[in-house]
Amino acid sequence: MVAVGLLSCGLLSRQAQATPISGDITFGGVVTFDSTHLNLAKEVKTWDLAIVTSDSGSFGSIPILSNITMTAPWIFNPSTATIPLWQVGGFTFNLTSSTIVSQDNFFLNITGIGTLSKAGFTTTPGDWSFTVSNAGGKKHTTFGFQADTAATAVPDSGATAALLGFALAGVEAFRRKFRVA
């Protein structure tokens, strides 16, 4: 029975290879919307001068002021999945959904969820926020975008299966020792 317990531990225990993306990245630039009135905008027509302004964690290898490739148009009303929404430094953000938190002629805030990916990492859920402050309702608007990774569970590399195997082997040994004849 001990051999069966050890064999099951060996078969069920595997080394974890998951490396989730961690940290956050912030960038900004200039956008042009489909309307000259921010409160009527439903999509971003063009992204200009999109650059990284800060980063941390897994994104730390991306130099500040790196250019970001943004997908245009980006339709946010109604929420539209956009794959990819942006790419920089080998990282890709695939937009799943978005929600307009606030929209008037002077301010737009959109939040949402998506997935971050890069070779060598596990695809990781991410949260994001897009904001535009448009004093005077001007046509060209400076934007800010912040993405950070959502909390994700990391596999325990089989430790739970190993403990279960040892526990079963112990129960069997205990049962054999105190067996009633």
Protein backbone atom coordinates (compact mmCIF):
# COMPACT_ATOMS: atom_id res chain seq x y z
CA MET A 1 0.00 0.00 0.00
CA VAL A 2 2.90 2.32 0.76
CA ALA A 3 4.23 1.61 -2.72
CA VAL A 4 0.85 2.52 -4.23
CA GLY A 5 0.85 5.76 -2.21
CA LEU A 6 4.35 6.66 -3.37
CA LEU A 7 3.53 5.74 -6.98
CA SER A 8 0.40 7.92 -6.95
CA CYS A 9 2.42 10.80 -5.51
CA GLY A 10 4.96 10.44 -8.29
CA LEU A 11 2.33 10.26 -11.02
CA LEU A 12 0.13 13.06 -9.73
CA SER A 13 2.85 15.50 -8.65
CA ARG A 14 4.08 17.77 -11.42
CA GLN A 15 6.30 20.79 -11.35
CA ALA A 16 4.40 24.06 -11.89
CA GLN A 17 5.48 25.90 -15.02
CA ALA A 18 2.97 28.72 -14.73
CA THR A 19 4.52 32.20 -14.65
CA PRO A 20 1.70 34.73 -14.59
CA ILE A 21 2.30 38.31 -15.70
CA SER A 22 2.45 40.66 -12.72
CA GLY A 23 2.63 44.41 -12.23
CA ASP A 24 1.15 47.31 -14.12
CA ILE A 25 1.79 49.55 -17.09
CA THR A 26 0.60 53.10 -17.76
CA PHE A 27 0.66 54.99 -21.01
CA GLY A 28 -0.71 58.07 -22.62
CA GLY A 29 -0.93 60.00 -25.85
CA VAL A 30 -3.46 61.75 -28.06
CA VAL A 31 -6.72 60.33 -29.42
CA THR A 32 -9.27 61.44 -31.98
CA PHE A 33 -12.86 60.33 -31.43
CA ASP A 34 -15.70 59.84 -33.90
CA SER A 35 -17.35 63.01 -32.54
CA THR A 36 -16.10 66.49 -31.70
CA HIS A 37 -18.23 66.27 -28.54
CA LEU A 38 -16.77 63.86 -26.00
CA ASN A 39 -20.21 63.10 -24.54
CA LEU A 40 -21.34 61.74 -27.95
CA ALA A 41 -18.19 59.70 -28.69
CA LYS A 42 -18.60 55.98 -29.31
CA GLU A 43 -15.19 55.07 -30.66
CA VAL A 44 -11.55 56.10 -30.87
CA LYS A 45 -10.72 56.77 -34.53
CA THR A 46 -6.94 57.28 -34.13
CA TRP A 47 -4.26 56.96 -31.48
CA ASP A 48 -1.27 59.29 -31.76
CA LEU A 49 1.93 59.43 -29.73
CA ALA A 50 0.93 56.45 -27.57
CA ILE A 51 3.92 55.88 -25.26
CA VAL A 52 4.70 54.05 -22.01
CA THR A 53 4.82 56.45 -19.06
CA SER A 54 5.40 53.97 -16.20
CA ASP A 55 5.69 50.23 -15.63
CA SER A 56 6.43 47.69 -12.92
CA GLY A 57 6.72 43.96 -12.35
CA SER A 58 6.81 41.88 -15.54
CA PHE A 59 6.43 45.07 -17.58
CA GLY A 60 9.63 46.52 -16.05
CA SER A 61 11.71 45.47 -19.07
CA ILE A 62 9.80 47.92 -21.31
CA PRO A 63 11.66 51.24 -21.58
CA ILE A 64 9.71 54.36 -20.61
CA LEU A 65 8.66 56.35 -23.74
CA SER A 66 8.39 53.13 -25.82
CA ASN A 67 5.85 53.42 -28.62
CA ILE A 68 2.68 51.36 -28.24
CA THR A 69 0.78 49.82 -31.13
CA MET A 70 -2.93 50.52 -30.61
CA THR A 71 -5.81 49.05 -32.63
CA ALA A 72 -8.01 51.63 -34.33
CA PRO A 73 -10.84 52.10 -34.47
CA TRP A 74 -11.67 51.02 -30.95
CA ILE A 75 -15.44 50.90 -30.46
CA PHE A 76 -16.32 51.29 -26.77
CA ASN A 77 -20.05 52.06 -27.07
CA PRO A 78 -21.34 49.41 -27.33
CA SER A 79 -18.57 47.41 -25.66
CA THR A 80 -16.69 45.50 -28.34
CA ALA A 81 -14.00 42.86 -27.82
CA THR A 82 -10.80 44.02 -29.53
CA ILE A 83 -8.01 41.54 -30.14
CA PRO A 84 -5.45 42.95 -29.60
CA LEU A 85 -6.24 46.37 -28.19
CA TRP A 86 -2.54 47.16 -27.69
CA GLN A 87 0.94 45.69 -28.01
CA VAL A 88 4.28 46.80 -26.58
CA GLY A 89 7.54 45.07 -25.63
CA GLY A 90 6.22 41.66 -26.65
CA PHE A 91 3.15 42.04 -24.41
CA THR A 92 -0.34 41.90 -25.92
CA PHE A 93 -3.59 43.01 -24.29
CA ASN A 94 -6.76 41.43 -25.66
CA LEU A 95 -9.83 43.40 -24.64
CA THR A 96 -12.75 41.24 -23.50
CA SER A 97 -15.28 43.81 -22.34
CA SER A 98 -15.58 47.41 -21.21
CA THR A 99 -17.94 49.59 -19.20
CA ILE A 100 -18.38 53.35 -19.46
CA VAL A 101 -18.12 54.58 -15.87
CA SER A 102 -18.54 58.28 -16.68
CA GLN A 103 -19.01 60.23 -19.91
CA ASP A 104 -19.76 63.91 -20.44
CA ASN A 105 -18.32 66.62 -22.67
CA PHE A 106 -15.33 67.14 -20.36
CA PHE A 107 -14.49 63.66 -19.01
CA LEU A 108 -14.62 60.02 -20.14
CA ASN A 109 -13.73 57.03 -17.97
CA ILE A 110 -13.96 53.46 -19.24
CA THR A 111 -12.96 50.35 -17.27
CA GLY A 112 -12.88 46.75 -18.26
CA ILE A 113 -11.23 43.36 -18.36
CA GLY A 114 -9.10 41.41 -20.77
CA THR A 115 -6.09 39.13 -20.96
CA LEU A 116 -2.38 39.87 -21.08
CA SER A 117 0.03 37.58 -22.87
CA LYS A 118 3.70 37.29 -23.78
CA ALA A 119 5.88 34.37 -24.79
CA GLY A 120 7.30 32.69 -21.66
CA PHE A 121 4.35 33.73 -19.48
CA THR A 122 0.94 32.25 -18.76
CA THR A 123 -1.96 34.21 -20.25
CA THR A 124 -3.08 36.37 -17.32
CA PRO A 125 -6.37 38.19 -16.61
CA GLY A 126 -5.99 41.96 -16.44
CA ASP A 127 -8.02 44.99 -15.39
CA TRP A 128 -7.72 48.30 -17.19
CA SER A 129 -8.89 51.88 -17.10
CA PHE A 130 -8.98 54.47 -19.91
CA THR A 131 -9.50 58.14 -19.04
CA VAL A 132 -9.76 61.33 -21.05
CA SER A 133 -9.94 64.80 -19.58
CA ASN A 134 -11.12 67.22 -22.25
CA ALA A 135 -11.12 70.80 -21.03
CA GLY A 136 -13.43 72.90 -23.14
CA GLY A 137 -14.59 69.92 -25.24
CA LYS A 138 -11.63 70.23 -27.67
CA LYS A 139 -11.38 67.86 -30.63
CA HIS A 140 -7.93 66.42 -29.82
CA THR A 141 -7.68 64.87 -26.41
CA THR A 142 -4.85 63.55 -24.24
CA PHE A 143 -5.60 60.11 -22.84
CA GLY A 144 -4.30 57.92 -20.06
CA PHE A 145 -4.49 54.14 -19.96
CA GLN A 146 -3.58 51.91 -17.03
CA ALA A 147 -3.51 48.13 -17.01
CA ASP A 148 -2.71 45.85 -14.11
CA THR A 149 -2.88 42.15 -13.60
CA ALA A 150 -5.78 40.59 -11.75
CA ALA A 151 -5.13 38.22 -8.88
CA THR A 152 -4.74 34.71 -10.22
CA ALA A 153 -4.39 31.33 -8.57
CA VAL A 154 -1.09 29.57 -9.22
CA PRO A 155 -1.01 25.75 -9.31
CA ASP A 156 0.45 24.18 -6.16
CA SER A 157 2.76 21.83 -8.17
CA GLY A 158 1.08 18.65 -6.88
CA ALA A 159 1.75 19.13 -3.19
CA THR A 160 -1.92 18.49 -2.39
CA ALA A 161 -1.89 15.19 -4.32
CA ALA A 162 1.34 14.15 -2.58
CA LEU A 163 -0.15 14.83 0.86
CA LEU A 164 -3.30 12.89 -0.05
CA GLY A 165 -1.20 9.91 -1.18
CA PHE A 166 0.80 9.89 2.05
CA ALA A 167 -2.37 10.20 4.12
CA LEU A 168 -3.98 7.23 2.34
CA ALA A 169 -0.82 5.17 2.83
CA GLY A 170 -0.85 6.07 6.54
CA VAL A 171 -4.51 5.10 6.93
CA GLU A 172 -3.84 1.73 5.26
CA ALA A 173 -0.80 1.09 7.49
CA PHE A 174 -2.83 2.01 10.59
CA ARG A 175 -5.69 -0.27 9.46
CA ARG A 176 -3.34 -3.24 8.93
CA LYS A 177 -1.62 -2.75 12.28
CA PHE A 178 -4.88 -2.78 14.26
CA ARG A 179 -6.78 -5.32 12.14
CA VAL A 180 -9.05 -7.58 14.18
CA ALA A 181 -8.40 -11.20 13.39
